[in-house]
Protein backbone atom coordinates (compact mmCIF):
# COMPACT_ATOMS: atom_id res chain seq x y z
CA UNK A 1 18.79 -21.09 1.00
CA UNK A 2 17.95 -17.32 0.82
CA UNK A 3 14.85 -16.31 -0.78
CA UNK A 4 14.73 -14.29 -3.91
CA UNK A 5 14.46 -10.39 -3.61
CA UNK A 6 10.96 -8.99 -3.84
CA UNK A 7 9.64 -8.25 -7.12
CA UNK A 8 10.06 -4.62 -8.15
CA UNK A 9 6.15 -4.24 -8.03
CA UNK A 10 6.28 -4.95 -4.21
CA UNK A 11 8.92 -2.55 -3.86
CA UNK A 12 6.96 0.25 -5.63
CA UNK A 13 4.02 -0.78 -3.49
CA UNK A 14 5.94 -0.38 -0.21
CA UNK A 15 7.58 2.85 -1.41
CA UNK A 16 4.07 4.33 -2.27
CA UNK A 17 2.86 3.48 1.19
CA UNK A 18 6.01 4.88 2.83
CA UNK A 19 5.07 8.48 2.16
CA UNK A 20 2.74 10.03 4.78
CA UNK A 21 0.56 11.89 2.35
CA UNK A 22 -0.06 8.83 0.29
CA UNK A 23 -0.62 6.82 3.58
CA UNK A 24 -3.19 9.32 4.66
CA UNK A 25 -5.00 8.96 1.43
CA UNK A 26 -5.09 5.42 1.98
CA UNK A 27 -6.56 5.84 5.34
CA UNK A 28 -9.16 8.07 3.90
CA UNK A 29 -10.32 5.34 1.43
CA UNK A 30 -9.79 2.32 3.70
CA UNK A 31 -13.84 2.21 4.04
CA UNK A 32 -13.99 1.00 0.39
CA UNK A 33 -15.83 4.14 -0.72
CA UNK A 34 -15.21 5.98 -4.19
CA UNK A 35 -14.01 9.53 -3.63
CA UNK A 36 -13.35 12.40 -5.85
CA UNK A 37 -10.22 14.52 -5.80
CA UNK A 38 -12.37 17.47 -4.53
CA UNK A 39 -13.82 15.39 -1.61
CA UNK A 40 -10.16 14.00 -0.62
CA UNK A 41 -8.72 17.62 -0.93
CA UNK A 42 -10.77 19.02 2.04
CA UNK A 43 -8.53 19.50 4.90
CA UNK A 44 -5.38 18.63 3.13
CA UNK A 45 -2.58 21.28 3.17
CA UNK A 46 -1.66 20.46 -0.51
CA UNK A 47 -2.94 21.60 -3.99
CA UNK A 48 -5.14 19.25 -6.02
CA UNK A 49 -2.44 19.03 -8.50
CA UNK A 50 -0.20 17.51 -5.87
CA UNK A 51 -3.13 15.20 -4.63
CA UNK A 52 -3.54 13.93 -8.01
CA UNK A 53 0.25 13.02 -8.31
CA UNK A 54 -0.05 11.05 -5.08
CA UNK A 55 -3.14 9.32 -6.38
CA UNK A 56 -1.47 8.56 -9.50
CA UNK A 57 1.58 7.05 -7.46
CA UNK A 58 -0.78 5.04 -5.40
CA UNK A 59 -2.66 3.77 -8.63
CA UNK A 60 0.79 2.84 -10.52
CA UNK A 61 1.72 0.69 -7.24
CA UNK A 62 -1.50 -1.14 -7.58
CA UNK A 63 -3.08 0.26 -4.24
CA UNK A 64 -6.01 2.35 -5.89
CA UNK A 65 -7.58 2.55 -9.01
CA UNK A 66 -9.76 5.23 -10.57
CA UNK A 67 -12.61 5.55 -12.94
CA UNK A 68 -14.62 8.51 -14.47
CA UNK A 69 -17.81 9.34 -12.99
CA UNK A 70 -19.40 11.99 -14.96
CA UNK A 71 -16.81 14.97 -15.20
CA UNK A 72 -15.00 13.84 -12.24
CA UNK A 73 -12.47 11.03 -11.48
CA UNK A 74 -13.07 9.09 -8.39
CA UNK A 75 -10.57 6.88 -6.69
CA UNK A 76 -11.09 3.62 -4.52
CA UNK A 77 -8.62 1.41 -2.78
CA UNK A 78 -7.62 -1.89 -4.87
CA UNK A 79 -7.50 -4.39 -2.21
CA UNK A 80 -5.20 -6.71 -4.43
CA UNK A 81 -2.15 -4.43 -3.84
CA UNK A 82 -2.64 -4.51 -0.12
CA UNK A 83 -3.28 -8.25 -0.06
CA UNK A 84 0.18 -8.77 -1.82
CA UNK A 85 1.84 -6.49 0.82
CA UNK A 86 0.12 -8.46 3.59
CA UNK A 87 1.24 -12.02 2.08
CA UNK A 88 4.63 -10.73 1.61
CA UNK A 89 4.93 -9.55 5.22
CA UNK A 90 3.16 -12.85 6.58
CA UNK A 91 6.11 -14.67 4.45
CA UNK A 92 8.85 -12.85 5.96
CA UNK A 93 7.29 -13.03 9.44
CA UNK A 94 7.19 -16.93 9.08
CA UNK A 95 10.72 -17.17 8.04
CA UNK A 96 11.72 -15.18 11.23
CA UNK A 97 9.44 -17.43 13.31
CA UNK A 98 11.14 -20.54 12.05
CA UNK A 99 14.74 -19.11 12.50
CA UNK A 100 13.64 -18.08 16.03
CA UNK A 101 12.22 -21.50 16.57
CA UNK A 102 15.50 -23.31 15.26
CA UNK A 103 17.61 -20.95 17.45
CA UNK A 104 15.59 -21.70 20.53
CA UNK A 105 15.83 -25.58 19.92
CA UNK A 106 19.66 -25.13 19.70
CA UNK A 107 19.99 -23.04 22.75
CA UNK A 108 17.93 -25.52 24.80
CA UNK A 109 19.87 -28.67 23.66
C-alpha cells in the first residue's frame, strides 16, 4: 500500500534547504548560536536585504526562528524542522530497506 505524499510543510522545508545560500546559512547557525543579520552577512556575496529574504524562507519552513534583541533581529536554528526532515528520511529509508530485504529473499528462494 503506497504511503501518502509528504505534507506540504515538509516539501517547503526541503525546498528551503535545497537552495545553496540557505543551506550555507543553516551551516553557519548549526552550532545553536543566535546570530544577527550583520554577523551572518560577513563574507557573503549578497546584500543584507537578500540575506533577510533567505532567512525569512528558512523561518517560514520551520528551520529557523528569529527574535528581537535590542535594535537587531537575531536568528537561530529551530531543531524541530530539521528533526521532521530527519524522521521523514528515516521512514523512506526504512521502506527501501524492507523492499530490498523482500527482493533479496525472493531472489534467494
